[in-house]
Amino acid sequence: MHRRPRIAVALAAALTAACLTVAPASGAAASAAAPRSGSVPSAAADGHVWSVRPQADGSVAYTAYRPAPGVSAARLYRLLAAQGVPGLLDPATAATPLTVACAYSTAYAFNGGMCPPARWRWNGYSDPQVYFRDHTPAAWPVRASVTEWNRAVGVDSYWTTGPCPTSGRHCVHVWSGNYGTTGWTGNTSYRLDSSRFFIDGSVWVELNDYYAASTVDRRNTACHELGHALGVGHNLADASCMYATDVPSNPQYPHSSDYNLLRYVLYP
């Protein structure tokens, strides 16, 4: 894991709107980091199908579904609607260009680069502590993907098969199963509070065995969904596992811009 000097709790709260006010100190990092003006490129916002459900407590629940190879977002939307999934946003009409995007180079924050970004609270730690509780069989390389995401500066990622930790540390459940011809390879669900921080106990990942034809497929899907659970959105570079849609190269790792997005935009 990577450590930085301790961030005071008061400063962490102020960083709720960090992407609107904070930039790296200088140099190339400063020139590439968020915020940026102008419309978000469509590839950063589309590709997935979203379910959005306002909750009685004022929070909002989201699920982002990644289309399987050969399945368009429009077709996935129809499949999910037929399955009775509530709160679906039609991808043909849902995308709304943002005037300011939370991004670093080609990497965008979750929800199409929306500011403030969805992310985890510090809770008094130097970096947010995120534990991925792995419920999957060994065929899914969840542990290897957690190791790759833990290379990022700004947030600490841990793999566990034990109980979820407490004392201000966060937990993401990762499940797998043969969910059948749903049209999606993986999905990430979560709720956000009014300050757009993830709500503990609401974040989980589902990985679909049905479309996991190879080790490379599983590694790409696991890397992608775990990135979302940290707040990383899509990357316009098809060398990143966070590329919005399936590509023949099946990238298995985060891109350098994904790491910089975490360090300078989501968890500065």
C-alpha atoms as a PDB file:
ATOM      1  CA  MET A   1       0.000   0.000   0.000  1.00  0.00           C
ATOM      2  CA  HIS A   2       1.059   3.603  -0.471  1.00  0.00           C
ATOM      3  CA  ARG A   3       1.032   6.094   2.387  1.00  0.00           C
ATOM      4  CA  ARG A   4       1.024   9.878   2.382  1.00  0.00           C
ATOM      5  CA  PRO A   5       1.134  12.418   5.224  1.00  0.00           C
ATOM      6  CA  ARG A   6      -2.045  12.282   7.313  1.00  0.00           C
ATOM      7  CA  ILE A   7      -4.983  14.337   6.053  1.00  0.00           C
ATOM      8  CA  ALA A   8      -6.963  16.004   8.786  1.00  0.00           C
ATOM      9  CA  VAL A   9     -10.595  14.957   9.096  1.00  0.00           C
ATOM     10  CA  ALA A  10     -11.762  18.540   8.579  1.00  0.00           C
ATOM     11  CA  LEU A  11      -9.769  18.791   5.356  1.00  0.00           C
ATOM     12  CA  ALA A  12     -11.170  15.463   4.139  1.00  0.00           C
ATOM     13  CA  ALA A  13     -14.680  16.839   4.602  1.00  0.00           C
ATOM     14  CA  ALA A  14     -13.771  19.975   2.682  1.00  0.00           C
ATOM     15  CA  LEU A  15     -12.498  17.796  -0.160  1.00  0.00           C
ATOM     16  CA  THR A  16     -16.040  16.664  -0.876  1.00  0.00           C
ATOM     17  CA  ALA A  17     -15.896  19.207  -3.694  1.00  0.00           C
ATOM     18  CA  ALA A  18     -12.225  18.585  -4.395  1.00  0.00           C
ATOM     19  CA  CYS A  19     -12.491  18.268  -8.120  1.00  0.00           C
ATOM     20  CA  LEU A  20     -13.933  21.775  -8.233  1.00  0.00           C
ATOM     21  CA  THR A  21     -11.190  23.324  -6.124  1.00  0.00           C
ATOM     22  CA  VAL A  22      -8.070  21.142  -5.924  1.00  0.00           C
ATOM     23  CA  ALA A  23      -5.393  20.495  -8.545  1.00  0.00           C
ATOM     24  CA  PRO A  24      -1.965  18.888  -8.302  1.00  0.00           C
ATOM     25  CA  ALA A  25       0.799  21.196  -7.202  1.00  0.00           C
ATOM     26  CA  SER A  26       2.580  21.752 -10.480  1.00  0.00           C
ATOM     27  CA  GLY A  27       3.966  20.344 -13.694  1.00  0.00           C
ATOM     28  CA  ALA A  28       2.457  17.795 -16.041  1.00  0.00           C
ATOM     29  CA  ALA A  29       0.116  16.471 -13.364  1.00  0.00           C
ATOM     30  CA  ALA A  30      -1.493  19.870 -12.970  1.00  0.00           C
ATOM     31  CA  SER A  31      -2.062  20.279 -16.676  1.00  0.00           C
ATOM     32  CA  ALA A  32      -3.789  16.906 -17.007  1.00  0.00           C
ATOM     33  CA  ALA A  33      -6.004  16.829 -13.926  1.00  0.00           C
ATOM     34  CA  ALA A  34      -9.635  17.784 -13.347  1.00  0.00           C
ATOM     35  CA  PRO A  35     -11.678  19.879 -13.428  1.00  0.00           C
ATOM     36  CA  ARG A  36     -11.968  20.618 -17.103  1.00  0.00           C
ATOM     37  CA  SER A  37     -14.499  22.623 -19.067  1.00  0.00           C
ATOM     38  CA  GLY A  38     -16.437  21.448 -22.080  1.00  0.00           C
ATOM     39  CA  SER A  39     -18.573  18.418 -22.764  1.00  0.00           C
ATOM     40  CA  VAL A  40     -17.522  14.996 -21.550  1.00  0.00           C
ATOM     41  CA  PRO A  41     -16.620  12.772 -24.521  1.00  0.00           C
ATOM     42  CA  SER A  42     -19.517  10.394 -25.081  1.00  0.00           C
ATOM     43  CA  ALA A  43     -17.341   7.309 -24.548  1.00  0.00           C
ATOM     44  CA  ALA A  44     -16.748   8.412 -20.953  1.00  0.00           C
ATOM     45  CA  ALA A  45     -20.445   8.503 -20.158  1.00  0.00           C
ATOM     46  CA  ASP A  46     -21.978   5.717 -22.221  1.00  0.00           C
ATOM     47  CA  GLY A  47     -21.354   2.025 -22.789  1.00  0.00           C
ATOM     48  CA  HIS A  48     -23.084   0.900 -19.583  1.00  0.00           C
ATOM     49  CA  VAL A  49     -26.760   0.823 -18.684  1.00  0.00           C
ATOM     50  CA  TRP A  50     -27.736   2.479 -15.421  1.00  0.00           C
ATOM     51  CA  SER A  51     -30.446   1.821 -12.869  1.00  0.00           C
ATOM     52  CA  VAL A  52     -31.061   4.818 -10.580  1.00  0.00           C
ATOM     53  CA  ARG A  53     -33.382   4.506  -7.578  1.00  0.00           C
ATOM     54  CA  PRO A  54     -33.984   7.377  -5.100  1.00  0.00           C
ATOM     55  CA  GLN A  55     -34.284   6.060  -1.529  1.00  0.00           C
ATOM     56  CA  ALA A  56     -36.619   7.084   1.276  1.00  0.00           C
ATOM     57  CA  ASP A  57     -33.676   8.286   3.381  1.00  0.00           C
ATOM     58  CA  GLY A  58     -32.636  10.806   0.703  1.00  0.00           C
ATOM     59  CA  SER A  59     -29.760   8.731  -0.695  1.00  0.00           C
ATOM     60  CA  VAL A  60     -29.683   7.455  -4.266  1.00  0.00           C
ATOM     61  CA  ALA A  61     -29.011   3.829  -5.236  1.00  0.00           C
ATOM     62  CA  TYR A  62     -27.209   3.086  -8.492  1.00  0.00           C
ATOM     63  CA  THR A  63     -26.331  -0.027 -10.464  1.00  0.00           C
ATOM     64  CA  ALA A  64     -24.098   0.142 -13.541  1.00  0.00           C
ATOM     65  CA  TYR A  65     -24.310  -2.841 -15.918  1.00  0.00           C
ATOM     66  CA  ARG A  66     -21.492  -3.532 -18.375  1.00  0.00           C
ATOM     67  CA  PRO A  67     -22.692  -5.049 -21.684  1.00  0.00           C
ATOM     68  CA  ALA A  68     -21.414  -8.475 -22.684  1.00  0.00           C
ATOM     69  CA  PRO A  69     -19.373  -8.805 -25.895  1.00  0.00           C
ATOM     70  CA  GLY A  70     -21.610  -8.251 -28.888  1.00  0.00           C
ATOM     71  CA  VAL A  71     -24.376  -6.676 -26.787  1.00  0.00           C
ATOM     72  CA  SER A  72     -25.052  -2.986 -27.355  1.00  0.00           C
ATOM     73  CA  ALA A  73     -26.182  -0.692 -24.563  1.00  0.00           C
ATOM     74  CA  ALA A  74     -29.553  -0.375 -26.306  1.00  0.00           C
ATOM     75  CA  ARG A  75     -30.008  -4.154 -26.372  1.00  0.00           C
ATOM     76  CA  LEU A  76     -28.886  -4.518 -22.758  1.00  0.00           C
ATOM     77  CA  TYR A  77     -31.413  -1.864 -21.773  1.00  0.00           C
ATOM     78  CA  ARG A  78     -34.186  -3.899 -23.419  1.00  0.00           C
ATOM     79  CA  LEU A  79     -32.994  -7.122 -21.768  1.00  0.00           C
ATOM     80  CA  LEU A  80     -32.890  -5.529 -18.314  1.00  0.00           C
ATOM     81  CA  ALA A  81     -36.314  -3.968 -18.836  1.00  0.00           C
ATOM     82  CA  ALA A  82     -37.701  -7.399 -19.746  1.00  0.00           C
ATOM     83  CA  GLN A  83     -36.165  -8.773 -16.522  1.00  0.00           C
ATOM     84  CA  GLY A  84     -38.050  -6.126 -14.531  1.00  0.00           C
ATOM     85  CA  VAL A  85     -35.015  -4.144 -13.363  1.00  0.00           C
ATOM     86  CA  PRO A  86     -36.348  -0.870 -11.865  1.00  0.00           C
ATOM     87  CA  GLY A  87     -35.109   2.680 -12.451  1.00  0.00           C
ATOM     88  CA  LEU A  88     -33.481   2.055 -15.827  1.00  0.00           C
ATOM     89  CA  LEU A  89     -32.157   4.998 -17.809  1.00  0.00           C
ATOM     90  CA  ASP A  90     -32.552   4.650 -21.559  1.00  0.00           C
ATOM     91  CA  PRO A  91     -28.991   4.996 -22.942  1.00  0.00           C
ATOM     92  CA  ALA A  92     -30.428   6.629 -26.066  1.00  0.00           C
ATOM     93  CA  THR A  93     -31.629   9.621 -24.055  1.00  0.00           C
ATOM     94  CA  ALA A  94     -29.877   9.480 -20.657  1.00  0.00           C
ATOM     95  CA  ALA A  95     -26.503  11.032 -21.496  1.00  0.00           C
ATOM     96  CA  THR A  96     -26.310  14.715 -20.570  1.00  0.00           C
ATOM     97  CA  PRO A  97     -23.049  16.541 -21.409  1.00  0.00           C
ATOM     98  CA  LEU A  98     -21.371  18.015 -18.336  1.00  0.00           C
ATOM     99  CA  THR A  99     -19.869  21.495 -18.434  1.00  0.00           C
ATOM    100  CA  VAL A 100     -17.190  20.494 -15.902  1.00  0.00           C
ATOM    101  CA  ALA A 101     -15.771  16.985 -15.696  1.00  0.00           C
ATOM    102  CA  CYS A 102     -13.817  15.264 -12.950  1.00  0.00           C
ATOM    103  CA  ALA A 103     -11.083  13.638 -14.991  1.00  0.00           C
ATOM    104  CA  TYR A 104      -7.376  13.061 -15.373  1.00  0.00           C
ATOM    105  CA  SER A 105      -6.217  12.868 -18.982  1.00  0.00           C
ATOM    106  CA  THR A 106      -8.325  10.073 -20.533  1.00  0.00           C
ATOM    107  CA  ALA A 107      -9.659   8.746 -17.189  1.00  0.00           C
ATOM    108  CA  TYR A 108     -13.007   9.945 -15.853  1.00  0.00           C
ATOM    109  CA  ALA A 109     -14.650   9.677 -12.465  1.00  0.00           C
ATOM    110  CA  PHE A 110     -17.638   7.356 -12.104  1.00  0.00           C
ATOM    111  CA  ASN A 111     -21.031   8.564 -13.359  1.00  0.00           C
ATOM    112  CA  GLY A 112     -19.543   9.925 -16.585  1.00  0.00           C
ATOM    113  CA  GLY A 113     -17.096  12.286 -14.874  1.00  0.00           C
ATOM    114  CA  MET A 114     -19.653  13.934 -12.593  1.00  0.00           C
ATOM    115  CA  CYS A 115     -18.347  16.377  -9.982  1.00  0.00           C
ATOM    116  CA  PRO A 116     -18.057  16.047  -7.036  1.00  0.00           C
ATOM    117  CA  PRO A 117     -16.885  12.497  -7.680  1.00  0.00           C
ATOM    118  CA  ALA A 118     -18.337   9.433  -5.998  1.00  0.00           C
ATOM    119  CA  ARG A 119     -15.733   8.177  -3.520  1.00  0.00           C
ATOM    120  CA  TRP A 120     -15.015   6.815  -0.053  1.00  0.00           C
ATOM    121  CA  ARG A 121     -14.615   8.806   3.150  1.00  0.00           C
ATOM    122  CA  TRP A 122     -11.243   9.027   4.893  1.00  0.00           C
ATOM    123  CA  ASN A 123     -12.706   8.434   8.397  1.00  0.00           C
ATOM    124  CA  GLY A 124      -9.512   9.647  10.059  1.00  0.00           C
ATOM    125  CA  TYR A 125      -7.094   7.504   8.026  1.00  0.00           C
ATOM    126  CA  SER A 126      -4.372   8.912   5.798  1.00  0.00           C
ATOM    127  CA  ASP A 127      -6.107   7.172   2.882  1.00  0.00           C
ATOM    128  CA  PRO A 128      -9.563   5.556   2.742  1.00  0.00           C
ATOM    129  CA  GLN A 129      -9.315   1.880   3.661  1.00  0.00           C
ATOM    130  CA  VAL A 130     -11.312  -0.321   1.266  1.00  0.00           C
ATOM    131  CA  TYR A 131     -11.582  -4.090   1.811  1.00  0.00           C
ATOM    132  CA  PHE A 132     -12.865  -6.275  -1.021  1.00  0.00           C
ATOM    133  CA  ARG A 133     -14.662  -9.237   0.578  1.00  0.00           C
ATOM    134  CA  ASP A 134     -14.222 -11.983  -2.000  1.00  0.00           C
ATOM    135  CA  HIS A 135     -17.055 -14.522  -2.255  1.00  0.00           C
ATOM    136  CA  THR A 136     -15.929 -15.844  -5.649  1.00  0.00           C
ATOM    137  CA  PRO A 137     -14.178 -19.138  -6.508  1.00  0.00           C
ATOM    138  CA  ALA A 138     -10.487 -19.171  -7.375  1.00  0.00           C
ATOM    139  CA  ALA A 139     -11.260 -18.954 -11.107  1.00  0.00           C
ATOM    140  CA  TRP A 140     -12.080 -15.283 -10.638  1.00  0.00           C
ATOM    141  CA  PRO A 141      -8.837 -13.283 -10.177  1.00  0.00           C
ATOM    142  CA  VAL A 142     -10.298 -10.860  -7.660  1.00  0.00           C
ATOM    143  CA  ARG A 143      -7.220 -10.972  -5.432  1.00  0.00           C
ATOM    144  CA  ALA A 144      -4.903 -10.183  -8.351  1.00  0.00           C
ATOM    145  CA  SER A 145      -7.076  -7.241  -9.395  1.00  0.00           C
ATOM    146  CA  VAL A 146      -7.154  -5.859  -5.845  1.00  0.00           C
ATOM    147  CA  THR A 147      -3.349  -6.019  -5.832  1.00  0.00           C
ATOM    148  CA  GLU A 148      -3.213  -3.938  -9.009  1.00  0.00           C
ATOM    149  CA  TRP A 149      -5.609  -1.301  -7.675  1.00  0.00           C
ATOM    150  CA  ASN A 150      -3.618  -1.100  -4.445  1.00  0.00           C
ATOM    151  CA  ARG A 151      -0.709   0.294  -6.473  1.00  0.00           C
ATOM    152  CA  ALA A 152      -2.624   3.582  -6.537  1.00  0.00           C
ATOM    153  CA  VAL A 153      -1.638   6.407  -4.215  1.00  0.00           C
ATOM    154  CA  GLY A 154      -4.541   7.939  -2.307  1.00  0.00           C
ATOM    155  CA  VAL A 155      -6.678   4.913  -1.421  1.00  0.00           C
ATOM    156  CA  ASP A 156      -5.658   1.576   0.125  1.00  0.00           C
ATOM    157  CA  SER A 157      -7.265  -1.597  -1.258  1.00  0.00           C
ATOM    158  CA  TYR A 158      -7.228  -4.942   0.549  1.00  0.00           C
ATOM    159  CA  TRP A 159      -8.396  -8.441  -0.373  1.00  0.00           C
ATOM    160  CA  THR A 160     -10.097 -10.579   2.250  1.00  0.00           C
ATOM    161  CA  THR A 161     -12.249 -13.665   2.632  1.00  0.00           C
ATOM    162  CA  GLY A 162     -12.889 -12.953   6.298  1.00  0.00           C
ATOM    163  CA  PRO A 163     -15.407 -10.724   8.048  1.00  0.00           C
ATOM    164  CA  CYS A 164     -15.753  -7.151   6.876  1.00  0.00           C
ATOM    165  CA  PRO A 165     -13.679  -4.819   9.056  1.00  0.00           C
ATOM    166  CA  THR A 166     -15.033  -2.022  11.220  1.00  0.00           C
ATOM    167  CA  SER A 167     -13.510   1.098  12.835  1.00  0.00           C
ATOM    168  CA  GLY A 168     -14.009   3.382   9.843  1.00  0.00           C
ATOM    169  CA  ARG A 169     -12.787   0.909   7.248  1.00  0.00           C
ATOM    170  CA  HIS A 170     -14.967   0.152   4.231  1.00  0.00           C
ATOM    171  CA  CYS A 171     -16.130  -3.124   2.706  1.00  0.00           C
ATOM    172  CA  VAL A 172     -17.131  -4.089  -0.853  1.00  0.00           C
ATOM    173  CA  HIS A 173     -18.670  -7.517  -1.346  1.00  0.00           C
ATOM    174  CA  VAL A 174     -17.671  -9.267  -4.579  1.00  0.00           C
ATOM    175  CA  TRP A 175     -19.968 -12.054  -5.787  1.00  0.00           C
ATOM    176  CA  SER A 176     -20.022 -14.296  -8.836  1.00  0.00           C
ATOM    177  CA  GLY A 177     -22.485 -16.741 -10.328  1.00  0.00           C
ATOM    178  CA  ASN A 178     -23.904 -18.074 -13.539  1.00  0.00           C
ATOM    179  CA  TYR A 179     -26.533 -15.397 -13.944  1.00  0.00           C
ATOM    180  CA  GLY A 180     -27.247 -16.614 -17.476  1.00  0.00           C
ATOM    181  CA  THR A 181     -27.918 -14.615 -20.635  1.00  0.00           C
ATOM    182  CA  THR A 182     -28.568 -11.364 -18.804  1.00  0.00           C
ATOM    183  CA  GLY A 183     -26.585  -9.361 -21.361  1.00  0.00           C
ATOM    184  CA  TRP A 184     -24.066  -8.092 -18.792  1.00  0.00           C
ATOM    185  CA  THR A 185     -20.618  -9.365 -17.790  1.00  0.00           C
ATOM    186  CA  GLY A 186     -20.504  -7.515 -14.481  1.00  0.00           C
ATOM    187  CA  ASN A 187     -22.256  -4.838 -12.495  1.00  0.00           C
ATOM    188  CA  THR A 188     -21.468  -2.532  -9.596  1.00  0.00           C
ATOM    189  CA  SER A 189     -24.147  -1.345  -7.162  1.00  0.00           C
ATOM    190  CA  TYR A 190     -23.841   1.406  -4.587  1.00  0.00           C
ATOM    191  CA  ARG A 191     -25.603   4.219  -2.782  1.00  0.00           C
ATOM    192  CA  LEU A 192     -24.375   7.769  -2.316  1.00  0.00           C
ATOM    193  CA  ASP A 193     -25.140  10.178   0.512  1.00  0.00           C
ATOM    194  CA  SER A 194     -25.970  13.834  -0.090  1.00  0.00           C
ATOM    195  CA  SER A 195     -22.243  14.679  -0.329  1.00  0.00           C
ATOM    196  CA  ARG A 196     -21.681  11.911  -2.911  1.00  0.00           C
ATOM    197  CA  PHE A 197     -19.699   9.643  -0.620  1.00  0.00           C
ATOM    198  CA  PHE A 198     -20.311   5.900  -0.836  1.00  0.00           C
ATOM    199  CA  ILE A 199     -22.524   4.588   1.961  1.00  0.00           C
ATOM    200  CA  ASP A 200     -21.005   1.693   3.888  1.00  0.00           C
ATOM    201  CA  GLY A 201     -22.797  -1.596   3.348  1.00  0.00           C
ATOM    202  CA  SER A 202     -24.315  -0.490   0.036  1.00  0.00           C
ATOM    203  CA  VAL A 203     -21.471  -1.264  -2.378  1.00  0.00           C
ATOM    204  CA  TRP A 204     -21.120  -4.637  -4.062  1.00  0.00           C
ATOM    205  CA  VAL A 205     -19.956  -6.192  -7.321  1.00  0.00           C
ATOM    206  CA  GLU A 206     -21.479  -9.069  -9.307  1.00  0.00           C
ATOM    207  CA  LEU A 207     -19.463 -11.020 -11.902  1.00  0.00           C
ATOM    208  CA  ASN A 208     -21.283 -13.188 -14.448  1.00  0.00           C
ATOM    209  CA  ASP A 209     -19.785 -16.643 -15.000  1.00  0.00           C
ATOM    210  CA  TYR A 210     -21.855 -17.105 -18.152  1.00  0.00           C
ATOM    211  CA  TYR A 211     -19.743 -14.681 -20.199  1.00  0.00           C
ATOM    212  CA  ALA A 212     -16.400 -15.533 -18.540  1.00  0.00           C
ATOM    213  CA  ALA A 213     -14.977 -17.609 -21.381  1.00  0.00           C
ATOM    214  CA  SER A 214     -11.315 -17.311 -20.360  1.00  0.00           C
ATOM    215  CA  THR A 215      -8.940 -16.187 -17.636  1.00  0.00           C
ATOM    216  CA  VAL A 216      -8.317 -13.004 -19.614  1.00  0.00           C
ATOM    217  CA  ASP A 217     -12.064 -12.262 -19.743  1.00  0.00           C
ATOM    218  CA  ARG A 218     -12.381 -12.731 -16.002  1.00  0.00           C
ATOM    219  CA  ARG A 219      -9.352 -10.560 -15.250  1.00  0.00           C
ATOM    220  CA  ASN A 220     -10.691  -7.748 -17.448  1.00  0.00           C
ATOM    221  CA  THR A 221     -14.142  -7.881 -15.864  1.00  0.00           C
ATOM    222  CA  ALA A 222     -12.853  -8.057 -12.288  1.00  0.00           C
ATOM    223  CA  CYS A 223     -10.439  -5.161 -12.845  1.00  0.00           C
ATOM    224  CA  HIS A 224     -13.214  -3.062 -14.391  1.00  0.00           C
ATOM    225  CA  GLU A 225     -15.847  -3.594 -11.709  1.00  0.00           C
ATOM    226  CA  LEU A 226     -13.429  -3.200  -8.791  1.00  0.00           C
ATOM    227  CA  GLY A 227     -12.295   0.096 -10.308  1.00  0.00           C
ATOM    228  CA  HIS A 228     -15.887   1.299 -10.279  1.00  0.00           C
ATOM    229  CA  ALA A 229     -16.176   0.336  -6.603  1.00  0.00           C
ATOM    230  CA  LEU A 230     -13.289   2.741  -5.869  1.00  0.00           C
ATOM    231  CA  GLY A 231     -14.964   5.559  -7.825  1.00  0.00           C
ATOM    232  CA  VAL A 232     -13.094   5.162 -11.126  1.00  0.00           C
ATOM    233  CA  GLY A 233     -15.225   5.646 -14.214  1.00  0.00           C
ATOM    234  CA  HIS A 234     -14.438   4.942 -17.838  1.00  0.00           C
ATOM    235  CA  ASN A 235     -11.187   5.594 -19.634  1.00  0.00           C
ATOM    236  CA  LEU A 236     -11.031   6.690 -23.261  1.00  0.00           C
ATOM    237  CA  ALA A 237      -7.809   4.681 -23.680  1.00  0.00           C
ATOM    238  CA  ASP A 238      -8.572   1.145 -24.821  1.00  0.00           C
ATOM    239  CA  ALA A 239      -5.377  -0.046 -23.095  1.00  0.00           C
ATOM    240  CA  SER A 240      -7.173   0.387 -19.746  1.00  0.00           C
ATOM    241  CA  CYS A 241      -9.376  -2.221 -18.098  1.00  0.00           C
ATOM    242  CA  MET A 242     -11.699   0.749 -17.474  1.00  0.00           C
ATOM    243  CA  TYR A 243     -12.459   1.171 -21.177  1.00  0.00           C
ATOM    244  CA  ALA A 244     -16.247   1.367 -21.368  1.00  0.00           C
ATOM    245  CA  THR A 245     -16.912  -1.578 -23.666  1.00  0.00           C
ATOM    246  CA  ASP A 246     -15.358  -4.890 -24.587  1.00  0.00           C
ATOM    247  CA  VAL A 247     -12.378  -4.767 -26.965  1.00  0.00           C
ATOM    248  CA  PRO A 248     -10.451  -7.690 -28.513  1.00  0.00           C
ATOM    249  CA  SER A 249      -7.290  -6.924 -26.516  1.00  0.00           C
ATOM    250  CA  ASN A 250      -9.168  -7.457 -23.204  1.00  0.00           C
ATOM    251  CA  PRO A 251      -6.897  -5.162 -21.129  1.00  0.00           C
ATOM    252  CA  GLN A 252      -6.333  -6.630 -17.688  1.00  0.00           C
ATOM    253  CA  TYR A 253      -4.796  -3.706 -15.787  1.00  0.00           C
ATOM    254  CA  PRO A 254      -5.539  -0.089 -14.887  1.00  0.00           C
ATOM    255  CA  HIS A 255      -3.953   2.613 -17.045  1.00  0.00           C
ATOM    256  CA  SER A 256      -1.550   5.167 -15.567  1.00  0.00           C
ATOM    257  CA  SER A 257      -4.289   7.783 -15.946  1.00  0.00           C
ATOM    258  CA  ASP A 258      -6.608   5.643 -13.781  1.00  0.00           C
ATOM    259  CA  TYR A 259      -3.994   5.704 -11.013  1.00  0.00           C
ATOM    260  CA  ASN A 260      -3.547   9.457 -11.429  1.00  0.00           C
ATOM    261  CA  LEU A 261      -7.310   9.966 -11.310  1.00  0.00           C
ATOM    262  CA  LEU A 262      -7.337   8.268  -7.897  1.00  0.00           C
ATOM    263  CA  ARG A 263      -4.331  10.203  -6.633  1.00  0.00           C
ATOM    264  CA  TYR A 264      -5.109  13.705  -7.850  1.00  0.00           C
ATOM    265  CA  VAL A 265      -8.878  13.857  -8.326  1.00  0.00           C
ATOM    266  CA  LEU A 266     -10.723  11.337  -6.167  1.00  0.00           C
ATOM    267  CA  TYR A 267      -8.374  11.115  -3.149  1.00  0.00           C
ATOM    268  CA  PRO A 268      -5.980  14.085  -3.271  1.00  0.00           C
END
